[in-house]
C-alpha atoms as a PDB file:
ATOM      1  CA  UNK A   1       0.000   0.000   0.000  1.00  0.00           C
ATOM      2  CA  UNK A   2       1.229   3.478  -0.800  1.00  0.00           C
ATOM      3  CA  UNK A   3       0.039   4.686   2.600  1.00  0.00           C
ATOM      4  CA  UNK A   4       2.475   2.287   4.277  1.00  0.00           C
ATOM      5  CA  UNK A   5       5.498   3.716   2.502  1.00  0.00           C
ATOM      6  CA  UNK A   6       7.731   6.035   4.537  1.00  0.00           C
ATOM      7  CA  UNK A   7       7.677   9.742   3.807  1.00  0.00           C
ATOM      8  CA  UNK A   8      10.614  10.209   1.475  1.00  0.00           C
ATOM      9  CA  UNK A   9       9.635  12.629  -1.298  1.00  0.00           C
ATOM     10  CA  UNK A  10      10.471  16.311  -1.330  1.00  0.00           C
ATOM     11  CA  UNK A  11       7.922  18.680  -2.854  1.00  0.00           C
ATOM     12  CA  UNK A  12       9.934  18.951  -6.074  1.00  0.00           C
ATOM     13  CA  UNK A  13       9.669  15.196  -6.601  1.00  0.00           C
ATOM     14  CA  UNK A  14       5.923  15.295  -5.936  1.00  0.00           C
ATOM     15  CA  UNK A  15       5.625  18.019  -8.551  1.00  0.00           C
ATOM     16  CA  UNK A  16       7.584  16.097 -11.191  1.00  0.00           C
ATOM     17  CA  UNK A  17       5.738  12.828 -10.585  1.00  0.00           C
ATOM     18  CA  UNK A  18       2.228  14.268 -10.436  1.00  0.00           C
ATOM     19  CA  UNK A  19       2.566  17.086 -12.935  1.00  0.00           C
ATOM     20  CA  UNK A  20       1.337  19.687 -10.435  1.00  0.00           C
ATOM     21  CA  UNK A  21       3.455  22.865 -10.166  1.00  0.00           C
ATOM     22  CA  UNK A  22       5.193  23.373  -6.829  1.00  0.00           C
ATOM     23  CA  UNK A  23       3.401  26.672  -6.282  1.00  0.00           C
ATOM     24  CA  UNK A  24       0.036  24.938  -6.746  1.00  0.00           C
ATOM     25  CA  UNK A  25       0.976  22.135  -4.341  1.00  0.00           C
ATOM     26  CA  UNK A  26       1.873  24.704  -1.700  1.00  0.00           C
ATOM     27  CA  UNK A  27      -1.423  26.545  -2.141  1.00  0.00           C
ATOM     28  CA  UNK A  28      -3.390  23.301  -1.946  1.00  0.00           C
ATOM     29  CA  UNK A  29      -1.558  22.335   1.233  1.00  0.00           C
ATOM     30  CA  UNK A  30      -1.547  25.720   2.974  1.00  0.00           C
ATOM     31  CA  UNK A  31      -5.004  26.962   2.032  1.00  0.00           C
ATOM     32  CA  UNK A  32      -6.979  23.738   1.696  1.00  0.00           C
ATOM     33  CA  UNK A  33      -5.065  21.180   3.793  1.00  0.00           C
ATOM     34  CA  UNK A  34      -4.800  18.775   0.872  1.00  0.00           C
ATOM     35  CA  UNK A  35      -1.643  17.136   2.290  1.00  0.00           C
ATOM     36  CA  UNK A  36      -0.156  16.495   5.715  1.00  0.00           C
ATOM     37  CA  UNK A  37       3.591  15.930   5.111  1.00  0.00           C
ATOM     38  CA  UNK A  38       6.042  14.768   7.737  1.00  0.00           C
ATOM     39  CA  UNK A  39       9.045  16.857   8.747  1.00  0.00           C
ATOM     40  CA  UNK A  40      12.643  15.685   8.427  1.00  0.00           C
ATOM     41  CA  UNK A  41      15.316  16.371  11.005  1.00  0.00           C
ATOM     42  CA  UNK A  42      16.242  19.396   8.920  1.00  0.00           C
ATOM     43  CA  UNK A  43      12.632  20.584   9.006  1.00  0.00           C
ATOM     44  CA  UNK A  44      12.048  19.773   5.337  1.00  0.00           C
ATOM     45  CA  UNK A  45       8.601  18.579   4.308  1.00  0.00           C
ATOM     46  CA  UNK A  46       8.584  14.927   3.283  1.00  0.00           C
ATOM     47  CA  UNK A  47       5.680  13.383   1.381  1.00  0.00           C
ATOM     48  CA  UNK A  48       4.553   9.785   0.904  1.00  0.00           C
ATOM     49  CA  UNK A  49       3.860   7.834  -2.242  1.00  0.00           C
ATOM     50  CA  UNK A  50       0.145   8.191  -1.517  1.00  0.00           C
ATOM     51  CA  UNK A  51       0.580  11.960  -1.795  1.00  0.00           C
ATOM     52  CA  UNK A  52       1.888  11.529  -5.341  1.00  0.00           C
ATOM     53  CA  UNK A  53      -1.210   9.572  -6.262  1.00  0.00           C
ATOM     54  CA  UNK A  54      -3.498  12.066  -4.535  1.00  0.00           C
ATOM     55  CA  UNK A  55      -1.844  15.068  -6.201  1.00  0.00           C
ATOM     56  CA  UNK A  56      -2.218  13.434  -9.631  1.00  0.00           C
ATOM     57  CA  UNK A  57      -5.914  12.760  -8.987  1.00  0.00           C
ATOM     58  CA  UNK A  58      -6.485  16.330  -7.840  1.00  0.00           C
ATOM     59  CA  UNK A  59      -4.734  17.583 -10.946  1.00  0.00           C
ATOM     60  CA  UNK A  60      -6.883  15.402 -13.226  1.00  0.00           C
ATOM     61  CA  UNK A  61     -10.139  16.484 -11.589  1.00  0.00           C
ATOM     62  CA  UNK A  62      -9.306  20.186 -11.449  1.00  0.00           C
ATOM     63  CA  UNK A  63      -8.310  20.013 -15.122  1.00  0.00           C
ATOM     64  CA  UNK A  64     -11.801  18.613 -15.753  1.00  0.00           C
ATOM     65  CA  UNK A  65     -13.341  21.639 -14.041  1.00  0.00           C
ATOM     66  CA  UNK A  66     -13.892  20.494 -10.461  1.00  0.00           C
ATOM     67  CA  UNK A  67     -13.205  23.065  -7.754  1.00  0.00           C
ATOM     68  CA  UNK A  68     -10.277  22.170  -5.503  1.00  0.00           C
ATOM     69  CA  UNK A  69     -12.315  23.196  -2.459  1.00  0.00           C
ATOM     70  CA  UNK A  70     -14.857  20.458  -3.207  1.00  0.00           C
ATOM     71  CA  UNK A  71     -12.176  17.772  -3.635  1.00  0.00           C
ATOM     72  CA  UNK A  72      -9.706  18.097  -0.771  1.00  0.00           C
ATOM     73  CA  UNK A  73     -12.091  16.732   1.876  1.00  0.00           C
ATOM     74  CA  UNK A  74     -12.562  13.475  -0.016  1.00  0.00           C
ATOM     75  CA  UNK A  75     -10.477  10.350   0.394  1.00  0.00           C
ATOM     76  CA  UNK A  76      -8.157   9.122  -2.320  1.00  0.00           C
ATOM     77  CA  UNK A  77     -10.559   6.243  -3.005  1.00  0.00           C
ATOM     78  CA  UNK A  78     -13.400   8.722  -3.441  1.00  0.00           C
ATOM     79  CA  UNK A  79     -11.283  10.798  -5.827  1.00  0.00           C
ATOM     80  CA  UNK A  80     -10.511   7.675  -7.867  1.00  0.00           C
ATOM     81  CA  UNK A  81     -14.213   6.829  -8.013  1.00  0.00           C
ATOM     82  CA  UNK A  82     -15.047  10.363  -9.116  1.00  0.00           C
ATOM     83  CA  UNK A  83     -12.409  10.180 -11.845  1.00  0.00           C
ATOM     84  CA  UNK A  84     -13.827   6.880 -13.062  1.00  0.00           C
ATOM     85  CA  UNK A  85     -17.379   8.208 -12.950  1.00  0.00           C
ATOM     86  CA  UNK A  86     -16.425  11.259 -14.979  1.00  0.00           C
ATOM     87  CA  UNK A  87     -14.589   9.126 -17.537  1.00  0.00           C
ATOM     88  CA  UNK A  88     -17.621   6.811 -17.835  1.00  0.00           C
ATOM     89  CA  UNK A  89     -19.988   9.753 -18.225  1.00  0.00           C
ATOM     90  CA  UNK A  90     -17.831  11.347 -20.890  1.00  0.00           C
ATOM     91  CA  UNK A  91     -17.444   8.018 -22.620  1.00  0.00           C
ATOM     92  CA  UNK A  92     -21.215   7.536 -22.683  1.00  0.00           C
ATOM     93  CA  UNK A  93     -21.928  10.939 -24.137  1.00  0.00           C
ATOM     94  CA  UNK A  94     -18.802  11.003 -26.268  1.00  0.00           C
ATOM     95  CA  UNK A  95     -17.019  14.046 -27.606  1.00  0.00           C
ATOM     96  CA  UNK A  96     -18.673  15.906 -30.432  1.00  0.00           C
ATOM     97  CA  UNK A  97     -15.711  15.353 -32.749  1.00  0.00           C
ATOM     98  CA  UNK A  98     -15.180  11.674 -33.593  1.00  0.00           C
ATOM     99  CA  UNK A  99     -12.275  12.214 -35.965  1.00  0.00           C
ATOM    100  CA  UNK A 100      -9.257  14.488 -35.820  1.00  0.00           C
ATOM    101  CA  UNK A 101      -7.016  15.118 -38.801  1.00  0.00           C
ATOM    102  CA  UNK A 102      -3.377  16.083 -38.240  1.00  0.00           C
ATOM    103  CA  UNK A 103      -1.619  18.189 -40.840  1.00  0.00           C
ATOM    104  CA  UNK A 104       2.060  18.884 -40.328  1.00  0.00           C
ATOM    105  CA  UNK A 105       5.032  17.198 -38.731  1.00  0.00           C
ATOM    106  CA  UNK A 106       5.427  16.589 -35.005  1.00  0.00           C
ATOM    107  CA  UNK A 107       1.741  16.501 -34.086  1.00  0.00           C
ATOM    108  CA  UNK A 108       1.417  12.725 -33.789  1.00  0.00           C
ATOM    109  CA  UNK A 109       4.381  12.484 -31.407  1.00  0.00           C
ATOM    110  CA  UNK A 110       2.916  15.377 -29.423  1.00  0.00           C
ATOM    111  CA  UNK A 111      -0.360  13.507 -29.011  1.00  0.00           C
ATOM    112  CA  UNK A 112       1.546  10.438 -27.879  1.00  0.00           C
ATOM    113  CA  UNK A 113       3.414  12.480 -25.256  1.00  0.00           C
ATOM    114  CA  UNK A 114       0.183  13.779 -23.709  1.00  0.00           C
ATOM    115  CA  UNK A 115      -1.664  10.453 -23.614  1.00  0.00           C
ATOM    116  CA  UNK A 116      -0.238   9.280 -20.279  1.00  0.00           C
ATOM    117  CA  UNK A 117      -1.761  12.268 -18.465  1.00  0.00           C
ATOM    118  CA  UNK A 118      -4.541  13.457 -20.739  1.00  0.00           C
ATOM    119  CA  UNK A 119      -5.600  10.316 -22.547  1.00  0.00           C
ATOM    120  CA  UNK A 120      -9.263  11.041 -21.799  1.00  0.00           C
ATOM    121  CA  UNK A 121      -9.174  13.927 -24.279  1.00  0.00           C
ATOM    122  CA  UNK A 122      -8.850  11.485 -27.181  1.00  0.00           C
ATOM    123  CA  UNK A 123     -11.329   8.856 -25.973  1.00  0.00           C
ATOM    124  CA  UNK A 124     -13.494   7.755 -28.899  1.00  0.00           C
ATOM    125  CA  UNK A 125     -11.572   9.939 -31.350  1.00  0.00           C
ATOM    126  CA  UNK A 126     -10.038   8.539 -34.540  1.00  0.00           C
ATOM    127  CA  UNK A 127      -6.782  10.290 -35.423  1.00  0.00           C
ATOM    128  CA  UNK A 128      -6.203  10.708 -39.150  1.00  0.00           C
ATOM    129  CA  UNK A 129      -2.657  11.400 -40.323  1.00  0.00           C
ATOM    130  CA  UNK A 130      -2.486  13.671 -43.336  1.00  0.00           C
ATOM    131  CA  UNK A 131       0.491  14.550 -45.502  1.00  0.00           C
ATOM    132  CA  UNK A 132       3.059  17.080 -44.327  1.00  0.00           C
ATOM    133  CA  UNK A 133       1.915  20.645 -44.798  1.00  0.00           C
ATOM    134  CA  UNK A 134       2.253  22.191 -48.216  1.00  0.00           C
ATOM    135  CA  UNK A 135      -0.137  23.761 -50.682  1.00  0.00           C
ATOM    136  CA  UNK A 136       0.140  20.711 -52.914  1.00  0.00           C
ATOM    137  CA  UNK A 137      -0.465  18.283 -50.040  1.00  0.00           C
ATOM    138  CA  UNK A 138      -3.591  20.141 -48.931  1.00  0.00           C
ATOM    139  CA  UNK A 139      -5.015  19.977 -52.438  1.00  0.00           C
ATOM    140  CA  UNK A 140      -4.488  16.196 -52.352  1.00  0.00           C
ATOM    141  CA  UNK A 141      -6.358  15.647 -49.077  1.00  0.00           C
ATOM    142  CA  UNK A 142      -9.549  13.704 -49.740  1.00  0.00           C
ATOM    143  CA  UNK A 143     -10.435  12.538 -46.210  1.00  0.00           C
ATOM    144  CA  UNK A 144     -13.150  14.149 -44.108  1.00  0.00           C
ATOM    145  CA  UNK A 145     -12.851  14.899 -40.390  1.00  0.00           C
ATOM    146  CA  UNK A 146     -14.816  16.567 -37.607  1.00  0.00           C
ATOM    147  CA  UNK A 147     -11.813  18.585 -36.461  1.00  0.00           C
ATOM    148  CA  UNK A 148      -8.453  19.409 -37.950  1.00  0.00           C
ATOM    149  CA  UNK A 149      -5.176  20.421 -36.337  1.00  0.00           C
ATOM    150  CA  UNK A 150      -2.404  21.955 -38.430  1.00  0.00           C
ATOM    151  CA  UNK A 151       1.097  22.997 -37.369  1.00  0.00           C
ATOM    152  CA  UNK A 152       2.784  25.801 -39.304  1.00  0.00           C
ATOM    153  CA  UNK A 153       6.174  27.425 -38.702  1.00  0.00           C
ATOM    154  CA  UNK A 154       4.750  30.815 -39.678  1.00  0.00           C
ATOM    155  CA  UNK A 155       1.570  32.543 -40.772  1.00  0.00           C
ATOM    156  CA  UNK A 156       1.844  34.803 -43.778  1.00  0.00           C
ATOM    157  CA  UNK A 157      -0.548  36.764 -45.956  1.00  0.00           C
ATOM    158  CA  UNK A 158      -1.516  33.700 -48.016  1.00  0.00           C
ATOM    159  CA  UNK A 159      -2.099  31.511 -44.964  1.00  0.00           C
ATOM    160  CA  UNK A 160      -5.754  32.460 -44.574  1.00  0.00           C
ATOM    161  CA  UNK A 161      -6.593  31.389 -48.121  1.00  0.00           C
ATOM    162  CA  UNK A 162      -4.715  28.112 -47.679  1.00  0.00           C
ATOM    163  CA  UNK A 163      -6.398  27.348 -44.331  1.00  0.00           C
ATOM    164  CA  UNK A 164      -9.838  28.076 -45.742  1.00  0.00           C
ATOM    165  CA  UNK A 165      -9.075  25.567 -48.498  1.00  0.00           C
ATOM    166  CA  UNK A 166      -8.002  23.043 -45.861  1.00  0.00           C
ATOM    167  CA  UNK A 167     -11.256  23.521 -43.944  1.00  0.00           C
ATOM    168  CA  UNK A 168     -13.274  23.113 -47.130  1.00  0.00           C
ATOM    169  CA  UNK A 169     -11.512  19.917 -48.223  1.00  0.00           C
ATOM    170  CA  UNK A 170     -11.701  18.254 -44.777  1.00  0.00           C
ATOM    171  CA  UNK A 171     -15.195  19.469 -43.896  1.00  0.00           C
ATOM    172  CA  UNK A 172     -13.919  20.133 -40.383  1.00  0.00           C
ATOM    173  CA  UNK A 173     -16.187  22.152 -38.081  1.00  0.00           C
ATOM    174  CA  UNK A 174     -13.167  23.192 -36.030  1.00  0.00           C
ATOM    175  CA  UNK A 175      -9.673  23.940 -37.319  1.00  0.00           C
ATOM    176  CA  UNK A 176      -6.864  24.564 -34.853  1.00  0.00           C
ATOM    177  CA  UNK A 177      -3.752  26.364 -36.061  1.00  0.00           C
ATOM    178  CA  UNK A 178      -0.494  26.026 -34.141  1.00  0.00           C
ATOM    179  CA  UNK A 179       2.216  28.451 -35.230  1.00  0.00           C
ATOM    180  CA  UNK A 180       5.578  29.866 -34.154  1.00  0.00           C
ATOM    181  CA  UNK A 181       5.677  33.267 -35.868  1.00  0.00           C
ATOM    182  CA  UNK A 182       2.990  35.376 -37.502  1.00  0.00           C
ATOM    183  CA  UNK A 183       1.877  38.825 -38.483  1.00  0.00           C
ATOM    184  CA  UNK A 184      -0.684  40.225 -36.056  1.00  0.00           C
ATOM    185  CA  UNK A 185      -3.107  41.086 -38.842  1.00  0.00           C
ATOM    186  CA  UNK A 186      -3.062  37.477 -40.077  1.00  0.00           C
ATOM    187  CA  UNK A 187      -3.792  36.095 -36.595  1.00  0.00           C
ATOM    188  CA  UNK A 188      -6.635  38.584 -36.186  1.00  0.00           C
ATOM    189  CA  UNK A 189      -8.088  37.599 -39.551  1.00  0.00           C
ATOM    190  CA  UNK A 190      -7.904  33.895 -38.705  1.00  0.00           C
ATOM    191  CA  UNK A 191      -9.709  34.371 -35.404  1.00  0.00           C
ATOM    192  CA  UNK A 192     -12.351  36.491 -37.105  1.00  0.00           C
ATOM    193  CA  UNK A 193     -12.839  33.698 -39.639  1.00  0.00           C
ATOM    194  CA  UNK A 194     -13.499  31.118 -36.915  1.00  0.00           C
ATOM    195  CA  UNK A 195     -10.100  29.414 -36.630  1.00  0.00           C
ATOM    196  CA  UNK A 196      -8.727  28.517 -33.207  1.00  0.00           C
ATOM    197  CA  UNK A 197      -5.157  29.811 -33.030  1.00  0.00           C
ATOM    198  CA  UNK A 198      -2.356  29.037 -30.558  1.00  0.00           C
ATOM    199  CA  UNK A 199       1.279  30.093 -30.568  1.00  0.00           C
ATOM    200  CA  UNK A 200       4.321  28.042 -29.671  1.00  0.00           C
ATOM    201  CA  UNK A 201       5.725  27.257 -27.176  1.00  0.00           C
ATOM    202  CA  UNK A 202       2.647  25.501 -25.794  1.00  0.00           C
ATOM    203  CA  UNK A 203       2.949  23.287 -22.715  1.00  0.00           C
ATOM    204  CA  UNK A 204       1.575  19.755 -22.633  1.00  0.00           C
ATOM    205  CA  UNK A 205      -1.233  20.917 -20.360  1.00  0.00           C
ATOM    206  CA  UNK A 206      -2.022  23.861 -22.607  1.00  0.00           C
ATOM    207  CA  UNK A 207      -1.963  21.632 -25.683  1.00  0.00           C
ATOM    208  CA  UNK A 208      -4.347  19.145 -24.039  1.00  0.00           C
ATOM    209  CA  UNK A 209      -6.739  21.897 -22.935  1.00  0.00           C
ATOM    210  CA  UNK A 210      -6.739  23.388 -26.424  1.00  0.00           C
ATOM    211  CA  UNK A 211      -7.304  20.007 -28.052  1.00  0.00           C
ATOM    212  CA  UNK A 212     -10.188  19.314 -25.672  1.00  0.00           C
ATOM    213  CA  UNK A 213     -11.756  22.613 -26.720  1.00  0.00           C
ATOM    214  CA  UNK A 214     -11.386  21.732 -30.398  1.00  0.00           C
ATOM    215  CA  UNK A 215     -13.072  18.362 -29.897  1.00  0.00           C
ATOM    216  CA  UNK A 216     -16.011  19.658 -27.891  1.00  0.00           C
ATOM    217  CA  UNK A 217     -19.239  20.905 -29.450  1.00  0.00           C
ATOM    218  CA  UNK A 218     -19.383  24.593 -30.124  1.00  0.00           C
ATOM    219  CA  UNK A 219     -21.327  26.591 -27.586  1.00  0.00           C
ATOM    220  CA  UNK A 220     -24.340  28.071 -29.332  1.00  0.00           C
ATOM    221  CA  UNK A 221     -24.041  31.825 -29.524  1.00  0.00           C
ATOM    222  CA  UNK A 222     -26.070  33.837 -27.074  1.00  0.00           C
ATOM    223  CA  UNK A 223     -28.885  35.547 -28.926  1.00  0.00           C
ATOM    224  CA  UNK A 224     -28.789  39.311 -28.538  1.00  0.00           C
ATOM    225  CA  UNK A 225     -31.198  40.279 -25.813  1.00  0.00           C
ATOM    226  CA  UNK A 226     -32.242  43.548 -27.417  1.00  0.00           C
ATOM    227  CA  UNK A 227     -30.338  44.428 -30.552  1.00  0.00           C
ATOM    228  CA  UNK A 228     -33.141  46.107 -32.472  1.00  0.00           C
ATOM    229  CA  UNK A 229     -33.962  49.791 -32.029  1.00  0.00           C
ATOM    230  CA  UNK A 230     -36.834  50.238 -29.630  1.00  0.00           C
ATOM    231  CA  UNK A 231     -36.696  46.662 -28.306  1.00  0.00           C
ATOM    232  CA  UNK A 232     -37.348  46.333 -24.600  1.00  0.00           C
ATOM    233  CA  UNK A 233     -34.221  45.776 -22.541  1.00  0.00           C
ATOM    234  CA  UNK A 234     -34.697  42.828 -20.161  1.00  0.00           C
ATOM    235  CA  UNK A 235     -34.715  43.626 -16.456  1.00  0.00           C
ATOM    236  CA  UNK A 236     -31.633  42.822 -14.450  1.00  0.00           C
ATOM    237  CA  UNK A 237     -31.559  39.189 -13.520  1.00  0.00           C
ATOM    238  CA  UNK A 238     -28.971  39.436 -10.715  1.00  0.00           C
ATOM    239  CA  UNK A 239     -28.420  42.256  -8.250  1.00  0.00           C
ATOM    240  CA  UNK A 240     -24.934  43.396  -7.214  1.00  0.00           C
ATOM    241  CA  UNK A 241     -25.412  41.694  -3.860  1.00  0.00           C
ATOM    242  CA  UNK A 242     -26.182  38.376  -5.530  1.00  0.00           C
ATOM    243  CA  UNK A 243     -23.188  38.722  -7.834  1.00  0.00           C
ATOM    244  CA  UNK A 244     -20.881  39.409  -4.882  1.00  0.00           C
ATOM    245  CA  UNK A 245     -22.196  36.275  -3.173  1.00  0.00           C
ATOM    246  CA  UNK A 246     -21.640  34.317  -6.367  1.00  0.00           C
ATOM    247  CA  UNK A 247     -18.037  35.553  -6.670  1.00  0.00           C
ATOM    248  CA  UNK A 248     -17.414  34.443  -3.061  1.00  0.00           C
ATOM    249  CA  UNK A 249     -18.598  30.938  -4.001  1.00  0.00           C
ATOM    250  CA  UNK A 250     -16.360  30.594  -7.041  1.00  0.00           C
ATOM    251  CA  UNK A 251     -13.087  31.497  -5.326  1.00  0.00           C
ATOM    252  CA  UNK A 252     -12.206  27.784  -5.280  1.00  0.00           C
ATOM    253  CA  UNK A 253     -12.705  27.303  -9.021  1.00  0.00           C
ATOM    254  CA  UNK A 254      -9.463  27.205 -10.951  1.00  0.00           C
ATOM    255  CA  UNK A 255     -10.926  28.998 -13.968  1.00  0.00           C
ATOM    256  CA  UNK A 256     -11.533  32.681 -13.290  1.00  0.00           C
ATOM    257  CA  UNK A 257     -14.125  33.154 -16.056  1.00  0.00           C
ATOM    258  CA  UNK A 258     -17.095  33.070 -13.602  1.00  0.00           C
ATOM    259  CA  UNK A 259     -15.612  35.893 -11.539  1.00  0.00           C
ATOM    260  CA  UNK A 260     -14.759  37.983 -14.591  1.00  0.00           C
ATOM    261  CA  UNK A 261     -18.263  37.507 -16.011  1.00  0.00           C
ATOM    262  CA  UNK A 262     -19.856  38.599 -12.737  1.00  0.00           C
ATOM    263  CA  UNK A 263     -17.650  41.696 -12.649  1.00  0.00           C
ATOM    264  CA  UNK A 264     -18.561  42.570 -16.251  1.00  0.00           C
ATOM    265  CA  UNK A 265     -22.261  42.232 -15.456  1.00  0.00           C
ATOM    266  CA  UNK A 266     -21.856  44.619 -12.522  1.00  0.00           C
ATOM    267  CA  UNK A 267     -19.885  47.128 -14.604  1.00  0.00           C
ATOM    268  CA  UNK A 268     -22.427  47.117 -17.426  1.00  0.00           C
ATOM    269  CA  UNK A 269     -25.294  47.430 -14.953  1.00  0.00           C
ATOM    270  CA  UNK A 270     -23.651  50.430 -13.359  1.00  0.00           C
ATOM    271  CA  UNK A 271     -23.036  52.047 -16.744  1.00  0.00           C
ATOM    272  CA  UNK A 272     -26.623  51.312 -17.744  1.00  0.00           C
ATOM    273  CA  UNK A 273     -27.835  53.191 -14.662  1.00  0.00           C
ATOM    274  CA  UNK A 274     -25.271  55.934 -15.200  1.00  0.00           C
ATOM    275  CA  UNK A 275     -26.542  56.517 -18.748  1.00  0.00           C
ATOM    276  CA  UNK A 276     -30.082  56.861 -17.441  1.00  0.00           C
ATOM    277  CA  UNK A 277     -29.045  59.314 -14.740  1.00  0.00           C
ATOM    278  CA  UNK A 278     -26.680  61.372 -16.879  1.00  0.00           C
ATOM    279  CA  UNK A 279     -27.660  65.027 -17.353  1.00  0.00           C
ATOM    280  CA  UNK A 280     -28.957  65.841 -20.836  1.00  0.00           C
ATOM    281  CA  UNK A 281     -28.256  69.155 -22.549  1.00  0.00           C
ATOM    282  CA  UNK A 282     -30.920  68.775 -25.234  1.00  0.00           C
ATOM    283  CA  UNK A 283     -33.146  66.228 -26.997  1.00  0.00           C
ATOM    284  CA  UNK A 284     -30.306  64.836 -29.097  1.00  0.00           C
ATOM    285  CA  UNK A 285     -28.199  64.382 -25.981  1.00  0.00           C
ATOM    286  CA  UNK A 286     -31.086  62.574 -24.285  1.00  0.00           C
ATOM    287  CA  UNK A 287     -31.504  60.266 -27.283  1.00  0.00           C
ATOM    288  CA  UNK A 288     -27.795  59.448 -27.239  1.00  0.00           C
ATOM    289  CA  UNK A 289     -27.811  58.537 -23.532  1.00  0.00           C
ATOM    290  CA  UNK A 290     -30.975  56.482 -23.994  1.00  0.00           C
ATOM    291  CA  UNK A 291     -29.245  54.520 -26.753  1.00  0.00           C
ATOM    292  CA  UNK A 292     -26.111  54.075 -24.636  1.00  0.00           C
ATOM    293  CA  UNK A 293     -28.202  52.733 -21.783  1.00  0.00           C
ATOM    294  CA  UNK A 294     -30.032  50.393 -24.172  1.00  0.00           C
ATOM    295  CA  UNK A 295     -26.769  49.037 -25.609  1.00  0.00           C
ATOM    296  CA  UNK A 296     -25.316  48.527 -22.126  1.00  0.00           C
ATOM    297  CA  UNK A 297     -28.527  46.794 -20.993  1.00  0.00           C
ATOM    298  CA  UNK A 298     -28.517  44.484 -24.013  1.00  0.00           C
ATOM    299  CA  UNK A 299     -24.878  43.546 -23.415  1.00  0.00           C
ATOM    300  CA  UNK A 300     -25.592  43.050 -19.706  1.00  0.00           C
ATOM    301  CA  UNK A 301     -28.509  40.710 -20.480  1.00  0.00           C
ATOM    302  CA  UNK A 302     -26.342  38.667 -22.869  1.00  0.00           C
ATOM    303  CA  UNK A 303     -23.620  38.295 -20.240  1.00  0.00           C
ATOM    304  CA  UNK A 304     -26.219  37.327 -17.626  1.00  0.00           C
ATOM    305  CA  UNK A 305     -27.277  34.471 -19.922  1.00  0.00           C
ATOM    306  CA  UNK A 306     -23.642  33.434 -20.260  1.00  0.00           C
ATOM    307  CA  UNK A 307     -23.125  33.699 -16.495  1.00  0.00           C
ATOM    308  CA  UNK A 308     -26.137  31.468 -15.884  1.00  0.00           C
ATOM    309  CA  UNK A 309     -24.678  28.802 -18.184  1.00  0.00           C
ATOM    310  CA  UNK A 310     -21.263  29.038 -16.515  1.00  0.00           C
ATOM    311  CA  UNK A 311     -22.830  28.689 -13.047  1.00  0.00           C
ATOM    312  CA  UNK A 312     -24.753  25.591 -14.172  1.00  0.00           C
ATOM    313  CA  UNK A 313     -21.588  24.141 -15.723  1.00  0.00           C
ATOM    314  CA  UNK A 314     -19.572  24.679 -12.533  1.00  0.00           C
ATOM    315  CA  UNK A 315     -22.396  23.486 -10.267  1.00  0.00           C
ATOM    316  CA  UNK A 316     -22.378  26.764  -8.351  1.00  0.00           C
ATOM    317  CA  UNK A 317     -25.626  28.174  -7.035  1.00  0.00           C
ATOM    318  CA  UNK A 318     -26.703  31.438  -8.598  1.00  0.00           C
ATOM    319  CA  UNK A 319     -30.131  32.221  -7.197  1.00  0.00           C
ATOM    320  CA  UNK A 320     -32.110  34.501  -9.478  1.00  0.00           C
ATOM    321  CA  UNK A 321     -34.906  35.117  -6.995  1.00  0.00           C
ATOM    322  CA  UNK A 322     -33.524  38.497  -5.945  1.00  0.00           C
ATOM    323  CA  UNK A 323     -34.161  40.430  -9.153  1.00  0.00           C
ATOM    324  CA  UNK A 324     -33.706  44.119  -9.469  1.00  0.00           C
ATOM    325  CA  UNK A 325     -34.190  46.556 -12.315  1.00  0.00           C
ATOM    326  CA  UNK A 326     -33.114  50.184 -12.513  1.00  0.00           C
ATOM    327  CA  UNK A 327     -36.066  52.371 -13.456  1.00  0.00           C
ATOM    328  CA  UNK A 328     -35.860  53.772 -16.960  1.00  0.00           C
ATOM    329  CA  UNK A 329     -36.196  57.534 -17.342  1.00  0.00           C
ATOM    330  CA  UNK A 330     -39.655  57.244 -18.947  1.00  0.00           C
ATOM    331  CA  UNK A 331     -41.014  54.757 -16.388  1.00  0.00           C
ATOM    332  CA  UNK A 332     -44.078  56.030 -14.572  1.00  0.00           C
ATOM    333  CA  UNK A 333     -44.217  55.442 -10.810  1.00  0.00           C
ATOM    334  CA  UNK A 334     -46.742  52.945  -9.632  1.00  0.00           C
ATOM    335  CA  UNK A 335     -49.679  54.169  -7.581  1.00  0.00           C
ATOM    336  CA  UNK A 336     -48.325  52.663  -4.407  1.00  0.00           C
ATOM    337  CA  UNK A 337     -45.042  54.495  -4.993  1.00  0.00           C
ATOM    338  CA  UNK A 338     -46.626  57.940  -5.315  1.00  0.00           C
ATOM    339  CA  UNK A 339     -46.154  60.114  -2.316  1.00  0.00           C
ATOM    340  CA  UNK A 340     -43.251  58.053  -0.968  1.00  0.00           C
ATOM    341  CA  UNK A 341     -40.125  59.832   0.046  1.00  0.00           C
ATOM    342  CA  UNK A 342     -37.123  58.957  -2.153  1.00  0.00           C
END
C-alpha cells in the first residue's frame, strides 16, 4: 500500500511525478489542507507515495473543471471513483468530434506524449494522419474529419486562403492552427474567420486543454437580448449583492471566467444606470444617452445568460430570486409608490 510507505519525497519530486506545479501544491496544502507531510530532522517537508497519487488525482479532476475546495475533503478512493465516474460519463456521451485530422510534422508524437496524463481527451476519437503541410499536399487531401489540427512554422498573408481551403476539403467544423511566428493582422483575420489559433511554445497541459476545446461541441451563440432599435431591454436578472455572493462561491474554481463575467455584469449594470441618470443638454443628448443605456442593458442581459450557463456548468448556485431593475427615465411610478419619500 502506498500509505504504508515512509515519507521520502520532497515537494519537487511530488511536482515532477504528479505534474502539479510546486506553487500549486503549496497553495493546496496551505489553504486547503490537501496534504499532511512529515518533517525531516532538517525541518524539510517529506511526502509519501500516496501523496503523489493524490496530487495526480487532484490535478486530473481540477483540469476537468472540479473546484479544488470540493475535492480536498474526499479520500483518495473517493477521488478515484469520481475520476472513473467522470470518464464513464464522458465516454457515454462522447465528444462531439469523432475524428481528428493532423496536418504537419510533429503533431502525432505530441499527441503520444500527452496520452499518459490526458488520454481522456482522445477517448473515442479517430486520429487521421495527413500529408506534411504544403499547398500541394492540402489539395491532395480527400479525407473528411470533424476537427483538424495543423502545425505551421509561420503565418503569412496567403495563410488564410490556404487554411480556408483546408477547412473546405476536410469538412472540419473546427480547425486549430499552431504556429511559431505570424503577423498580427493574419492572426486577427484567422480568429475572425473562426479558426482557433495558438502560438508556440505551448505546454503539454495547454496543448491538451486546447485540443479538448477543439473536440467539444461549439457553444451556441447567445442571442442578442435587445439588438433592435426600440426593443425592450430585459430587467436585471442578478443584483450586485447576488453577484458578490456568487463571486465568493467561485473562489475555489481554478478557472476565473465566472468571476470575470460577474464583474462585467456589474460594470455594465452600473453604466446602464449611469446613462439613465446622466444630465442631458438637449433632446439629441437625451436620445444618445438612452441609446447608450439600451446598448449597455442588451450587453448586460447577454452576459447574464452566459453567467447562468457558466454557473450551471460549474455546479455553483446562482439564485435569481432576488431580481432588481433600474427604473428607466420614462417609467411612470406605480400608484403605491406615489407620495413616498425617495
